[in-house]
Amino acid sequence: QLQLVESGGALVQPGGSLRLSCVASGFSVDNYVIGWFRQAPGKEREGVSCISRHVRLTNYADSVKGRFTISKDNARNTVYLQINTLKPEDTAIYYCAAWRSPQVFVLCKLSEGEYEYWGQGTQVTVSS
């Protein structure tokens, strides 16, 4: 059974940092594109970052470039999202998602359509 479990969400002050984790089971992240998405209250879910099968191929939404960093640890079957300089507008439920890509060297996309498997989400709240 393929499963994704997010963790690391918390209540933090503006300017703080968090590292979110997405642990995969039932499949190897080495063979999948992994994306991070978020949904703020009253808003549609949006893609914030993804990592292709090749660890150097990463993609970020303009709103998070320079503050978010995605990484992958194949040995731990885990994908991380490091979030720095948190802003109140980063408040959202953060989800990781995966889809099996046959290609290693293609840059991932932030659109939801291709993602097949989703975690349950972890809440990030940025407030003073």
Foldseek 3Di string as FASTA:
>chain_A
DWAWAKDWADEAAAQAKIKMKIAIPPDFCLQKKKWKWWDDPPGDIWTAKIAASAQVQMDGDPVQPPFWDWGADRVRSMIMIIGGRDDQVVWTWMKMFIAGDPDRPDHDDTDDVRTDHIHPTDTHGYHD
